[in-house]
Amino acid sequence: MEHILENHETTKVEGFYGEMYLLDETNGMVAIIGKFGIGSPVATTLLEELIAFGVRKFISIGTAGTLQKDIKIGSLMVCEKAIRDEGTSYHYLKHSKYAYASKEMTNKIQKSLERFKQKYFLGTSWTIDAPYRETVAEVKQYQKEGVATVEMEASALFAVAQYRNVELGAIFTISDSLAELQWKPKFHLKKTKKGLEILYRVAIDVLLNH
């Protein structure tokens, strides 16, 4: 969010959790919301409010931690589904292991990345509520299952979008690692910041043109 505000012209909109800005380069057709904290409850509250205002297309962009040793910092991931290890999604959908991104939106994101000639991978994320409770046993299990990343919002956002019948996709850049069973934060590396800028450009492209 700070990078966008420093490098892109915006118009602030009051009245939401965190900060909301219309992006001037889109003639106010696309907005970005950030600085609202972390986790599913606040993210889904914002999503619900925007849906109530009539917004129908969403892309969640941000960072995620890798669980796999072969996924490098700065890599780009399109999230197709997420493990529901949070509480919010169960208020929207029946019990199941996964919540799924909107297929149509996910396809559009992939095509945009390919047009921009960006390398990416399609993967599964583990969404968890507690930021410091990714246990060694869980990480090992999800590594065996091939789960790519861990973050705190995707499965709940997917569930709300499915319930409310809107399009929502999620794309991440890898900012930290649990692959070695110890947390290695790399949020401030240039690779991470470059990845976020690419995600921003892709999101604008998809929401405006496709």
N, C-alpha and C. Protein backbone atom coordinates (compact mmCIF):
# COMPACT_ATOMS: atom_id res chain seq x y z
N MET A 1 0.83 -1.21 0.00
CA MET A 1 0.00 0.00 0.00
C MET A 1 0.86 1.26 0.00
N GLU A 2 1.91 1.26 0.83
CA GLU A 2 2.79 2.42 0.87
C GLU A 2 3.46 2.66 -0.49
N HIS A 3 3.87 1.58 -1.14
CA HIS A 3 4.49 1.70 -2.46
C HIS A 3 3.52 2.31 -3.47
N ILE A 4 2.28 1.85 -3.45
CA ILE A 4 1.28 2.35 -4.38
C ILE A 4 1.03 3.84 -4.15
N LEU A 5 0.90 4.24 -2.89
CA LEU A 5 0.64 5.65 -2.58
C LEU A 5 1.82 6.54 -2.98
N GLU A 6 3.02 5.99 -2.92
CA GLU A 6 4.20 6.77 -3.29
C GLU A 6 4.38 6.89 -4.80
N ASN A 7 3.87 5.90 -5.54
CA ASN A 7 4.20 5.82 -6.96
C ASN A 7 3.00 5.95 -7.91
N HIS A 8 1.79 6.06 -7.35
CA HIS A 8 0.60 6.15 -8.20
C HIS A 8 -0.33 7.23 -7.65
N GLU A 9 -1.02 7.92 -8.55
CA GLU A 9 -1.96 8.96 -8.15
C GLU A 9 -3.26 8.31 -7.66
N THR A 10 -3.75 8.78 -6.52
CA THR A 10 -4.94 8.18 -5.91
C THR A 10 -5.85 9.27 -5.34
N THR A 11 -7.09 8.87 -5.07
CA THR A 11 -8.06 9.74 -4.41
C THR A 11 -8.64 8.97 -3.22
N LYS A 12 -8.48 9.50 -2.03
CA LYS A 12 -8.90 8.79 -0.82
C LYS A 12 -10.41 8.80 -0.66
N VAL A 13 -10.93 7.67 -0.18
CA VAL A 13 -12.36 7.52 0.12
C VAL A 13 -12.48 7.19 1.61
N GLU A 14 -13.26 7.96 2.34
CA GLU A 14 -13.42 7.73 3.77
C GLU A 14 -14.54 6.73 4.06
N GLY A 15 -14.52 6.17 5.25
CA GLY A 15 -15.66 5.40 5.72
C GLY A 15 -15.47 3.90 5.79
N PHE A 16 -14.25 3.40 5.54
CA PHE A 16 -13.99 1.97 5.60
C PHE A 16 -12.90 1.68 6.63
N TYR A 17 -12.86 0.43 7.08
CA TYR A 17 -11.72 0.00 7.88
C TYR A 17 -10.44 0.22 7.07
N GLY A 18 -9.37 0.61 7.73
CA GLY A 18 -8.13 0.82 7.00
C GLY A 18 -8.23 2.04 6.12
N GLU A 19 -7.61 1.96 4.95
CA GLU A 19 -7.60 3.08 4.01
C GLU A 19 -8.02 2.60 2.62
N MET A 20 -8.89 3.38 1.99
CA MET A 20 -9.39 3.05 0.65
C MET A 20 -9.06 4.20 -0.29
N TYR A 21 -8.55 3.85 -1.47
CA TYR A 21 -8.20 4.85 -2.47
C TYR A 21 -8.71 4.42 -3.83
N LEU A 22 -9.32 5.36 -4.55
CA LEU A 22 -9.59 5.16 -5.97
C LEU A 22 -8.29 5.40 -6.73
N LEU A 23 -8.03 4.58 -7.72
CA LEU A 23 -6.80 4.70 -8.49
C LEU A 23 -7.06 5.60 -9.69
N ASP A 24 -6.38 6.74 -9.71
CA ASP A 24 -6.64 7.74 -10.75
C ASP A 24 -6.34 7.21 -12.14
N GLU A 25 -5.36 6.32 -12.27
CA GLU A 25 -5.01 5.78 -13.59
C GLU A 25 -6.12 4.91 -14.17
N THR A 26 -7.09 4.54 -13.34
CA THR A 26 -8.24 3.76 -13.81
C THR A 26 -9.50 4.61 -13.93
N ASN A 27 -9.33 5.94 -13.83
CA ASN A 27 -10.48 6.86 -13.83
C ASN A 27 -11.49 6.53 -12.74
N GLY A 28 -10.95 6.07 -11.61
CA GLY A 28 -11.80 5.77 -10.46
C GLY A 28 -12.60 4.49 -10.57
N MET A 29 -12.30 3.66 -11.57
CA MET A 29 -13.04 2.41 -11.75
C MET A 29 -12.54 1.30 -10.82
N VAL A 30 -11.31 1.43 -10.36
CA VAL A 30 -10.72 0.42 -9.47
C VAL A 30 -10.25 1.11 -8.20
N ALA A 31 -10.46 0.47 -7.07
CA ALA A 31 -10.00 0.99 -5.78
C ALA A 31 -9.12 -0.05 -5.11
N ILE A 32 -8.28 0.43 -4.22
CA ILE A 32 -7.46 -0.46 -3.41
C ILE A 32 -7.71 -0.15 -1.94
N ILE A 33 -7.79 -1.20 -1.13
CA ILE A 33 -7.95 -1.04 0.31
C ILE A 33 -6.81 -1.75 1.01
N GLY A 34 -6.21 -1.08 1.98
CA GLY A 34 -5.12 -1.68 2.74
C GLY A 34 -5.02 -1.05 4.11
N LYS A 35 -3.98 -1.45 4.83
CA LYS A 35 -3.73 -0.93 6.18
C LYS A 35 -4.91 -1.18 7.12
N PHE A 36 -5.56 -2.32 6.94
CA PHE A 36 -6.70 -2.65 7.81
C PHE A 36 -6.37 -3.76 8.80
N GLY A 37 -5.11 -4.14 8.86
CA GLY A 37 -4.73 -5.22 9.77
C GLY A 37 -4.63 -6.53 9.03
N ILE A 38 -4.63 -7.63 9.78
CA ILE A 38 -4.48 -8.96 9.19
C ILE A 38 -5.60 -9.87 9.66
N GLY A 39 -5.85 -10.92 8.91
CA GLY A 39 -6.79 -11.94 9.33
C GLY A 39 -8.13 -11.88 8.63
N SER A 40 -8.83 -13.00 8.71
CA SER A 40 -10.07 -13.18 7.98
C SER A 40 -11.22 -12.27 8.42
N PRO A 41 -11.46 -12.05 9.72
CA PRO A 41 -12.63 -11.25 10.10
C PRO A 41 -12.65 -9.86 9.50
N VAL A 42 -11.55 -9.13 9.58
CA VAL A 42 -11.56 -7.77 9.04
C VAL A 42 -11.59 -7.78 7.51
N ALA A 43 -10.89 -8.73 6.89
CA ALA A 43 -10.88 -8.81 5.42
C ALA A 43 -12.27 -9.12 4.88
N THR A 44 -12.98 -10.03 5.52
CA THR A 44 -14.32 -10.38 5.04
C THR A 44 -15.34 -9.29 5.38
N THR A 45 -15.13 -8.56 6.45
CA THR A 45 -16.00 -7.42 6.74
C THR A 45 -15.94 -6.40 5.62
N LEU A 46 -14.73 -6.08 5.18
CA LEU A 46 -14.56 -5.16 4.05
C LEU A 46 -15.19 -5.72 2.79
N LEU A 47 -14.99 -7.00 2.54
CA LEU A 47 -15.56 -7.63 1.35
C LEU A 47 -17.08 -7.55 1.38
N GLU A 48 -17.68 -7.88 2.51
CA GLU A 48 -19.14 -7.81 2.63
C GLU A 48 -19.65 -6.39 2.36
N GLU A 49 -18.98 -5.38 2.93
CA GLU A 49 -19.43 -4.01 2.74
C GLU A 49 -19.35 -3.58 1.28
N LEU A 50 -18.26 -3.96 0.61
CA LEU A 50 -18.10 -3.58 -0.79
C LEU A 50 -19.13 -4.29 -1.67
N ILE A 51 -19.42 -5.55 -1.35
CA ILE A 51 -20.46 -6.27 -2.09
C ILE A 51 -21.81 -5.58 -1.91
N ALA A 52 -22.08 -5.13 -0.68
CA ALA A 52 -23.34 -4.43 -0.41
C ALA A 52 -23.44 -3.13 -1.21
N PHE A 53 -22.31 -2.50 -1.50
CA PHE A 53 -22.28 -1.29 -2.32
C PHE A 53 -22.35 -1.60 -3.81
N GLY A 54 -22.32 -2.87 -4.18
CA GLY A 54 -22.50 -3.24 -5.58
C GLY A 54 -21.25 -3.69 -6.31
N VAL A 55 -20.10 -3.76 -5.63
CA VAL A 55 -18.88 -4.23 -6.27
C VAL A 55 -18.99 -5.74 -6.53
N ARG A 56 -18.57 -6.16 -7.73
CA ARG A 56 -18.76 -7.57 -8.12
C ARG A 56 -17.47 -8.30 -8.44
N LYS A 57 -16.35 -7.58 -8.55
CA LYS A 57 -15.10 -8.23 -8.92
C LYS A 57 -13.99 -7.79 -7.97
N PHE A 58 -13.24 -8.78 -7.47
CA PHE A 58 -12.22 -8.52 -6.46
C PHE A 58 -10.98 -9.36 -6.74
N ILE A 59 -9.83 -8.77 -6.42
CA ILE A 59 -8.57 -9.53 -6.42
C ILE A 59 -7.83 -9.21 -5.13
N SER A 60 -7.52 -10.23 -4.39
CA SER A 60 -6.73 -10.07 -3.17
C SER A 60 -5.26 -10.21 -3.55
N ILE A 61 -4.48 -9.16 -3.30
CA ILE A 61 -3.04 -9.21 -3.59
C ILE A 61 -2.28 -9.01 -2.29
N GLY A 62 -1.16 -9.71 -2.17
CA GLY A 62 -0.39 -9.58 -0.94
C GLY A 62 0.74 -10.58 -0.88
N THR A 63 1.22 -10.81 0.33
CA THR A 63 2.35 -11.69 0.54
C THR A 63 1.90 -13.00 1.18
N ALA A 64 2.73 -14.01 1.02
CA ALA A 64 2.49 -15.31 1.64
C ALA A 64 3.83 -15.97 1.94
N GLY A 65 3.82 -16.86 2.91
CA GLY A 65 5.02 -17.60 3.24
C GLY A 65 5.05 -18.93 2.51
N THR A 66 6.22 -19.35 2.06
CA THR A 66 6.32 -20.63 1.38
C THR A 66 6.50 -21.78 2.38
N LEU A 67 5.92 -22.91 2.03
CA LEU A 67 6.13 -24.14 2.80
C LEU A 67 7.09 -25.09 2.08
N GLN A 68 7.41 -24.78 0.84
CA GLN A 68 8.20 -25.68 0.00
C GLN A 68 9.59 -25.11 -0.27
N LYS A 69 10.61 -25.95 -0.17
CA LYS A 69 11.99 -25.50 -0.33
C LYS A 69 12.29 -24.99 -1.74
N ASP A 70 11.56 -25.47 -2.74
CA ASP A 70 11.86 -25.07 -4.11
C ASP A 70 11.14 -23.81 -4.55
N ILE A 71 10.36 -23.19 -3.66
CA ILE A 71 9.67 -21.94 -3.98
C ILE A 71 10.48 -20.79 -3.39
N LYS A 72 10.96 -19.90 -4.24
CA LYS A 72 11.89 -18.85 -3.82
C LYS A 72 11.17 -17.55 -3.46
N ILE A 73 11.86 -16.73 -2.66
CA ILE A 73 11.36 -15.40 -2.31
C ILE A 73 11.16 -14.58 -3.59
N GLY A 74 10.03 -13.91 -3.68
CA GLY A 74 9.71 -13.11 -4.85
C GLY A 74 8.93 -13.85 -5.91
N SER A 75 8.77 -15.18 -5.76
CA SER A 75 7.97 -15.95 -6.71
C SER A 75 6.52 -15.48 -6.67
N LEU A 76 5.81 -15.68 -7.78
CA LEU A 76 4.42 -15.28 -7.88
C LEU A 76 3.52 -16.50 -7.89
N MET A 77 2.49 -16.47 -7.07
CA MET A 77 1.57 -17.60 -6.97
C MET A 77 0.14 -17.15 -7.23
N VAL A 78 -0.56 -17.88 -8.08
CA VAL A 78 -2.00 -17.73 -8.23
C VAL A 78 -2.64 -18.79 -7.36
N CYS A 79 -3.44 -18.37 -6.41
CA CYS A 79 -4.04 -19.30 -5.45
C CYS A 79 -5.37 -19.83 -6.00
N GLU A 80 -5.43 -21.13 -6.25
CA GLU A 80 -6.67 -21.71 -6.77
C GLU A 80 -7.59 -22.25 -5.68
N LYS A 81 -7.01 -22.59 -4.52
CA LYS A 81 -7.82 -23.05 -3.40
C LYS A 81 -7.03 -22.87 -2.12
N ALA A 82 -7.73 -22.88 -0.97
CA ALA A 82 -7.07 -22.65 0.31
C ALA A 82 -7.69 -23.54 1.38
N ILE A 83 -6.81 -24.08 2.23
CA ILE A 83 -7.24 -24.90 3.36
C ILE A 83 -7.91 -24.00 4.40
N ARG A 84 -9.06 -24.42 4.88
CA ARG A 84 -9.89 -23.60 5.77
C ARG A 84 -9.52 -23.81 7.24
N ASP A 85 -8.35 -23.33 7.62
CA ASP A 85 -7.91 -23.44 9.01
C ASP A 85 -8.15 -22.11 9.73
N GLU A 86 -9.30 -21.54 9.46
CA GLU A 86 -9.75 -20.31 10.12
C GLU A 86 -11.23 -20.48 10.45
N GLY A 87 -11.78 -19.58 11.22
CA GLY A 87 -13.15 -19.77 11.67
C GLY A 87 -14.23 -19.10 10.84
N THR A 88 -13.86 -18.08 10.09
CA THR A 88 -14.85 -17.25 9.42
C THR A 88 -15.60 -17.99 8.32
N SER A 89 -14.91 -18.77 7.53
CA SER A 89 -15.53 -19.40 6.36
C SER A 89 -16.65 -20.35 6.73
N TYR A 90 -16.61 -20.90 7.95
CA TYR A 90 -17.62 -21.88 8.36
C TYR A 90 -18.97 -21.24 8.67
N HIS A 91 -18.99 -19.91 8.69
CA HIS A 91 -20.26 -19.20 8.82
C HIS A 91 -20.92 -18.97 7.46
N TYR A 92 -20.22 -19.37 6.38
CA TYR A 92 -20.73 -19.17 5.02
C TYR A 92 -20.95 -20.47 4.25
N LEU A 93 -20.07 -21.44 4.45
CA LEU A 93 -20.14 -22.69 3.68
C LEU A 93 -20.13 -23.88 4.62
N LYS A 94 -20.70 -24.99 4.17
CA LYS A 94 -20.64 -26.22 4.94
C LYS A 94 -19.18 -26.67 5.11
N HIS A 95 -18.97 -27.52 6.10
CA HIS A 95 -17.62 -27.97 6.41
C HIS A 95 -16.99 -28.68 5.21
N SER A 96 -15.77 -28.30 4.88
CA SER A 96 -14.98 -28.96 3.85
C SER A 96 -13.53 -28.54 4.08
N LYS A 97 -12.60 -29.26 3.49
CA LYS A 97 -11.19 -28.93 3.71
C LYS A 97 -10.79 -27.64 3.00
N TYR A 98 -11.34 -27.42 1.80
CA TYR A 98 -10.88 -26.31 0.96
C TYR A 98 -12.00 -25.31 0.68
N ALA A 99 -11.59 -24.08 0.44
CA ALA A 99 -12.44 -23.08 -0.22
C ALA A 99 -11.73 -22.73 -1.52
N TYR A 100 -12.53 -22.42 -2.55
CA TYR A 100 -11.97 -22.28 -3.90
C TYR A 100 -12.12 -20.85 -4.42
N ALA A 101 -11.09 -20.39 -5.10
CA ALA A 101 -11.16 -19.11 -5.80
C ALA A 101 -12.14 -19.21 -6.96
N SER A 102 -12.64 -18.07 -7.41
CA SER A 102 -13.53 -18.04 -8.57
C SER A 102 -12.75 -18.50 -9.80
N LYS A 103 -13.26 -19.51 -10.49
CA LYS A 103 -12.54 -20.05 -11.64
C LYS A 103 -12.33 -19.02 -12.73
N GLU A 104 -13.37 -18.26 -13.03
CA GLU A 104 -13.27 -17.28 -14.10
C GLU A 104 -12.22 -16.22 -13.78
N MET A 105 -12.23 -15.72 -12.55
CA MET A 105 -11.26 -14.72 -12.17
C MET A 105 -9.84 -15.29 -12.17
N THR A 106 -9.70 -16.51 -11.69
CA THR A 106 -8.39 -17.16 -11.68
C THR A 106 -7.84 -17.32 -13.08
N ASN A 107 -8.69 -17.71 -14.02
CA ASN A 107 -8.27 -17.84 -15.42
C ASN A 107 -7.82 -16.50 -15.99
N LYS A 108 -8.55 -15.44 -15.67
CA LYS A 108 -8.19 -14.11 -16.15
C LYS A 108 -6.83 -13.67 -15.60
N ILE A 109 -6.59 -13.97 -14.33
CA ILE A 109 -5.32 -13.61 -13.70
C ILE A 109 -4.17 -14.36 -14.39
N GLN A 110 -4.36 -15.64 -14.65
CA GLN A 110 -3.32 -16.42 -15.31
C GLN A 110 -3.00 -15.86 -16.70
N LYS A 111 -4.04 -15.55 -17.44
CA LYS A 111 -3.84 -15.01 -18.79
C LYS A 111 -3.12 -13.67 -18.75
N SER A 112 -3.43 -12.85 -17.75
CA SER A 112 -2.77 -11.55 -17.63
C SER A 112 -1.29 -11.73 -17.31
N LEU A 113 -0.97 -12.61 -16.38
CA LEU A 113 0.42 -12.89 -16.05
C LEU A 113 1.19 -13.36 -17.28
N GLU A 114 0.54 -14.19 -18.07
CA GLU A 114 1.18 -14.70 -19.29
C GLU A 114 1.39 -13.59 -20.31
N ARG A 115 0.42 -12.68 -20.42
CA ARG A 115 0.58 -11.55 -21.34
C ARG A 115 1.75 -10.66 -20.91
N PHE A 116 1.92 -10.52 -19.59
CA PHE A 116 3.02 -9.72 -19.06
C PHE A 116 4.33 -10.51 -19.03
N LYS A 117 4.27 -11.76 -19.53
CA LYS A 117 5.46 -12.63 -19.59
C LYS A 117 6.08 -12.82 -18.20
N GLN A 118 5.21 -13.05 -17.22
CA GLN A 118 5.68 -13.28 -15.86
C GLN A 118 5.59 -14.76 -15.50
N LYS A 119 6.64 -15.26 -14.89
CA LYS A 119 6.60 -16.63 -14.39
C LYS A 119 5.75 -16.69 -13.13
N TYR A 120 4.94 -17.72 -13.02
CA TYR A 120 4.09 -17.88 -11.83
C TYR A 120 3.78 -19.36 -11.68
N PHE A 121 3.20 -19.71 -10.56
CA PHE A 121 2.70 -21.06 -10.41
C PHE A 121 1.32 -21.03 -9.79
N LEU A 122 0.55 -22.06 -10.09
CA LEU A 122 -0.81 -22.23 -9.56
C LEU A 122 -0.71 -23.15 -8.36
N GLY A 123 -1.28 -22.75 -7.23
CA GLY A 123 -1.08 -23.57 -6.05
C GLY A 123 -2.18 -23.45 -5.00
N THR A 124 -1.98 -24.23 -3.95
CA THR A 124 -2.88 -24.28 -2.79
C THR A 124 -2.23 -23.57 -1.62
N SER A 125 -3.02 -22.81 -0.88
CA SER A 125 -2.51 -22.13 0.31
C SER A 125 -3.17 -22.68 1.57
N TRP A 126 -2.52 -22.48 2.67
CA TRP A 126 -3.05 -22.84 3.99
C TRP A 126 -3.40 -21.54 4.70
N THR A 127 -4.68 -21.30 4.94
CA THR A 127 -5.13 -20.10 5.63
C THR A 127 -5.34 -20.42 7.10
N ILE A 128 -4.64 -19.69 7.96
CA ILE A 128 -4.70 -19.94 9.40
C ILE A 128 -4.96 -18.63 10.13
N ASP A 129 -5.71 -18.71 11.22
CA ASP A 129 -6.03 -17.51 12.00
C ASP A 129 -4.88 -17.02 12.88
N ALA A 130 -4.16 -17.94 13.49
CA ALA A 130 -3.17 -17.57 14.50
C ALA A 130 -1.79 -17.39 13.86
N PRO A 131 -1.25 -16.16 13.89
CA PRO A 131 -0.02 -15.90 13.14
C PRO A 131 1.21 -16.62 13.66
N TYR A 132 1.20 -17.04 14.91
CA TYR A 132 2.39 -17.70 15.48
C TYR A 132 2.11 -19.13 15.91
N ARG A 133 1.11 -19.78 15.27
CA ARG A 133 0.77 -21.15 15.65
C ARG A 133 0.82 -22.12 14.48
N GLU A 134 1.66 -21.84 13.51
CA GLU A 134 1.91 -22.83 12.46
C GLU A 134 2.88 -23.86 13.04
N THR A 135 2.35 -24.99 13.49
CA THR A 135 3.20 -25.95 14.19
C THR A 135 4.05 -26.75 13.22
N VAL A 136 5.14 -27.31 13.73
CA VAL A 136 6.04 -28.13 12.91
C VAL A 136 5.28 -29.31 12.31
N ALA A 137 4.43 -29.94 13.11
CA ALA A 137 3.67 -31.10 12.62
C ALA A 137 2.77 -30.72 11.45
N GLU A 138 2.10 -29.57 11.55
CA GLU A 138 1.23 -29.12 10.46
C GLU A 138 2.03 -28.80 9.21
N VAL A 139 3.13 -28.08 9.39
CA VAL A 139 3.95 -27.72 8.23
C VAL A 139 4.44 -28.98 7.51
N LYS A 140 4.91 -29.96 8.26
CA LYS A 140 5.39 -31.20 7.65
C LYS A 140 4.27 -31.90 6.88
N GLN A 141 3.07 -31.92 7.47
CA GLN A 141 1.94 -32.57 6.81
C GLN A 141 1.58 -31.87 5.51
N TYR A 142 1.51 -30.56 5.55
CA TYR A 142 1.13 -29.81 4.36
C TYR A 142 2.24 -29.82 3.31
N GLN A 143 3.47 -29.91 3.74
CA GLN A 143 4.56 -30.09 2.77
C GLN A 143 4.37 -31.38 1.99
N LYS A 144 4.01 -32.46 2.71
CA LYS A 144 3.78 -33.74 2.05
C LYS A 144 2.62 -33.66 1.07
N GLU A 145 1.62 -32.87 1.40
CA GLU A 145 0.45 -32.73 0.54
C GLU A 145 0.71 -31.81 -0.65
N GLY A 146 1.86 -31.14 -0.64
CA GLY A 146 2.19 -30.24 -1.74
C GLY A 146 1.60 -28.85 -1.60
N VAL A 147 1.13 -28.50 -0.41
CA VAL A 147 0.59 -27.16 -0.18
C VAL A 147 1.74 -26.15 -0.32
N ALA A 148 1.50 -25.08 -1.06
CA ALA A 148 2.58 -24.17 -1.43
C ALA A 148 2.86 -23.09 -0.39
N THR A 149 1.80 -22.49 0.15
CA THR A 149 1.99 -21.28 0.96
C THR A 149 1.11 -21.29 2.20
N VAL A 150 1.39 -20.33 3.08
CA VAL A 150 0.57 -20.08 4.25
C VAL A 150 0.30 -18.58 4.35
N GLU A 151 -0.95 -18.22 4.67
CA GLU A 151 -1.35 -16.82 4.85
C GLU A 151 -2.60 -16.80 5.72
N MET A 152 -3.31 -15.68 5.79
CA MET A 152 -4.33 -15.53 6.83
C MET A 152 -5.71 -15.11 6.34
N GLU A 153 -5.95 -15.03 5.03
CA GLU A 153 -7.25 -14.53 4.58
C GLU A 153 -7.92 -15.30 3.45
N ALA A 154 -7.17 -16.00 2.63
CA ALA A 154 -7.69 -16.47 1.34
C ALA A 154 -8.93 -17.35 1.46
N SER A 155 -8.91 -18.35 2.32
CA SER A 155 -10.04 -19.29 2.36
C SER A 155 -11.33 -18.59 2.77
N ALA A 156 -11.24 -17.64 3.69
CA ALA A 156 -12.44 -16.91 4.11
C ALA A 156 -12.95 -16.00 3.00
N LEU A 157 -12.05 -15.33 2.30
CA LEU A 157 -12.47 -14.49 1.18
C LEU A 157 -13.13 -15.33 0.09
N PHE A 158 -12.55 -16.48 -0.22
CA PHE A 158 -13.15 -17.37 -1.22
C PHE A 158 -14.56 -17.79 -0.80
N ALA A 159 -14.73 -18.11 0.48
CA ALA A 159 -16.03 -18.58 0.97
C ALA A 159 -17.09 -17.49 0.86
N VAL A 160 -16.74 -16.27 1.25
CA VAL A 160 -17.69 -15.17 1.16
C VAL A 160 -18.06 -14.90 -0.29
N ALA A 161 -17.06 -14.90 -1.16
CA ALA A 161 -17.31 -14.64 -2.58
C ALA A 161 -18.24 -15.70 -3.17
N GLN A 162 -18.03 -16.95 -2.82
CA GLN A 162 -18.90 -18.02 -3.31
C GLN A 162 -20.32 -17.84 -2.79
N TYR A 163 -20.44 -17.54 -1.51
CA TYR A 163 -21.75 -17.37 -0.89
C TYR A 163 -22.50 -16.17 -1.49
N ARG A 164 -21.79 -15.11 -1.75
CA ARG A 164 -22.40 -13.88 -2.27
C ARG A 164 -22.44 -13.83 -3.80
N ASN A 165 -21.88 -14.86 -4.43
CA ASN A 165 -21.91 -14.97 -5.90
C ASN A 165 -21.23 -13.79 -6.58
N VAL A 166 -20.00 -13.50 -6.14
CA VAL A 166 -19.17 -12.51 -6.81
C VAL A 166 -17.86 -13.18 -7.22
N GLU A 167 -17.12 -12.53 -8.11
CA GLU A 167 -15.84 -13.06 -8.57
C GLU A 167 -14.71 -12.58 -7.66
N LEU A 168 -13.87 -13.52 -7.22
CA LEU A 168 -12.74 -13.14 -6.39
C LEU A 168 -11.58 -14.09 -6.63
N GLY A 169 -10.42 -13.52 -6.91
CA GLY A 169 -9.20 -14.30 -7.06
C GLY A 169 -8.15 -13.79 -6.10
N ALA A 170 -7.07 -14.57 -5.93
CA ALA A 170 -6.00 -14.19 -5.02
C ALA A 170 -4.64 -14.49 -5.65
N ILE A 171 -3.74 -13.52 -5.57
CA ILE A 171 -2.38 -13.70 -6.06
C ILE A 171 -1.40 -13.20 -5.00
N PHE A 172 -0.33 -13.94 -4.82
CA PHE A 172 0.65 -13.64 -3.78
C PHE A 172 2.05 -13.53 -4.36
N THR A 173 2.89 -12.77 -3.68
CA THR A 173 4.32 -12.89 -3.87
C THR A 173 4.92 -13.48 -2.60
N ILE A 174 5.91 -14.33 -2.75
CA ILE A 174 6.48 -15.03 -1.60
C ILE A 174 7.42 -14.10 -0.85
N SER A 175 7.12 -13.90 0.45
CA SER A 175 7.82 -12.91 1.26
C SER A 175 8.58 -13.51 2.43
N ASP A 176 8.32 -14.77 2.76
CA ASP A 176 8.95 -15.41 3.90
C ASP A 176 8.86 -16.92 3.73
N SER A 177 9.51 -17.65 4.62
CA SER A 177 9.58 -19.10 4.43
C SER A 177 9.47 -19.85 5.76
N LEU A 178 8.71 -20.95 5.70
CA LEU A 178 8.68 -21.94 6.79
C LEU A 178 9.20 -23.29 6.30
N ALA A 179 9.75 -23.30 5.11
CA ALA A 179 10.14 -24.55 4.46
C ALA A 179 11.19 -25.33 5.24
N GLU A 180 12.06 -24.61 5.98
CA GLU A 180 13.10 -25.26 6.79
C GLU A 180 12.65 -25.46 8.23
N LEU A 181 11.34 -25.27 8.47
CA LEU A 181 10.74 -25.45 9.81
C LEU A 181 11.17 -24.37 10.80
N GLN A 182 11.74 -23.30 10.29
CA GLN A 182 12.01 -22.10 11.06
C GLN A 182 11.58 -20.91 10.20
N TRP A 183 11.01 -19.91 10.85
CA TRP A 183 10.51 -18.76 10.10
C TRP A 183 11.65 -17.89 9.62
N LYS A 184 11.66 -17.62 8.32
CA LYS A 184 12.66 -16.75 7.72
C LYS A 184 11.96 -15.60 7.00
N PRO A 185 11.78 -14.46 7.69
CA PRO A 185 11.08 -13.32 7.07
C PRO A 185 11.98 -12.58 6.09
N LYS A 186 11.43 -12.31 4.90
CA LYS A 186 12.16 -11.59 3.85
C LYS A 186 11.26 -10.52 3.23
N PHE A 187 10.45 -9.90 4.06
CA PHE A 187 9.44 -8.97 3.56
C PHE A 187 10.03 -7.75 2.86
N HIS A 188 11.21 -7.34 3.28
CA HIS A 188 11.74 -6.07 2.79
C HIS A 188 12.76 -6.23 1.66
N LEU A 189 12.92 -7.42 1.14
CA LEU A 189 13.81 -7.62 0.01
C LEU A 189 13.24 -6.98 -1.26
N LYS A 190 14.12 -6.57 -2.16
CA LYS A 190 13.68 -5.99 -3.42
C LYS A 190 12.83 -6.96 -4.22
N LYS A 191 13.15 -8.26 -4.13
CA LYS A 191 12.38 -9.28 -4.86
C LYS A 191 10.92 -9.29 -4.42
N THR A 192 10.71 -9.14 -3.11
CA THR A 192 9.34 -9.12 -2.59
C THR A 192 8.59 -7.89 -3.08
N LYS A 193 9.23 -6.74 -3.00
CA LYS A 193 8.60 -5.49 -3.43
C LYS A 193 8.31 -5.50 -4.93
N LYS A 194 9.24 -6.04 -5.71
CA LYS A 194 9.03 -6.14 -7.16
C LYS A 194 7.84 -7.04 -7.45
N GLY A 195 7.73 -8.13 -6.71
CA GLY A 195 6.60 -9.04 -6.89
C GLY A 195 5.27 -8.36 -6.62
N LEU A 196 5.22 -7.53 -5.57
CA LEU A 196 3.98 -6.83 -5.25
C LEU A 196 3.59 -5.84 -6.34
N GLU A 197 4.57 -5.17 -6.91
CA GLU A 197 4.28 -4.23 -8.01
C GLU A 197 3.72 -4.97 -9.21
N ILE A 198 4.26 -6.15 -9.51
CA ILE A 198 3.73 -6.96 -10.62
C ILE A 198 2.29 -7.36 -10.34
N LEU A 199 2.02 -7.79 -9.12
CA LEU A 199 0.66 -8.19 -8.76
C LEU A 199 -0.31 -7.02 -8.92
N TYR A 200 0.13 -5.84 -8.53
CA TYR A 200 -0.69 -4.64 -8.69
C TYR A 200 -1.03 -4.41 -10.16
N ARG A 201 -0.04 -4.49 -11.01
CA ARG A 201 -0.25 -4.26 -12.45
C ARG A 201 -1.19 -5.31 -13.04
N VAL A 202 -1.01 -6.55 -12.62
CA VAL A 202 -1.87 -7.63 -13.12
C VAL A 202 -3.32 -7.41 -12.65
N ALA A 203 -3.48 -7.05 -11.40
CA ALA A 203 -4.84 -6.83 -10.88
C ALA A 203 -5.55 -5.71 -11.64
N ILE A 204 -4.84 -4.62 -11.89
CA ILE A 204 -5.42 -3.51 -12.66
C ILE A 204 -5.83 -3.98 -14.05
N ASP A 205 -4.94 -4.71 -14.70
CA ASP A 205 -5.21 -5.23 -16.04
C ASP A 205 -6.46 -6.08 -16.08
N VAL A 206 -6.56 -7.00 -15.13
CA VAL A 206 -7.72 -7.92 -15.11
C VAL A 206 -9.00 -7.16 -14.82
N LEU A 207 -8.99 -6.31 -13.82
CA LEU A 207 -10.23 -5.65 -13.41
C LEU A 207 -10.72 -4.62 -14.43
N LEU A 208 -9.79 -4.02 -15.15
CA LEU A 208 -10.18 -3.01 -16.14
C LEU A 208 -10.53 -3.60 -17.51
N ASN A 209 -9.77 -4.59 -17.93
CA ASN A 209 -9.81 -4.99 -19.34
C ASN A 209 -10.42 -6.36 -19.61
N HIS A 210 -10.65 -7.15 -18.60
CA HIS A 210 -11.02 -8.54 -18.88
C HIS A 210 -12.21 -9.00 -18.05
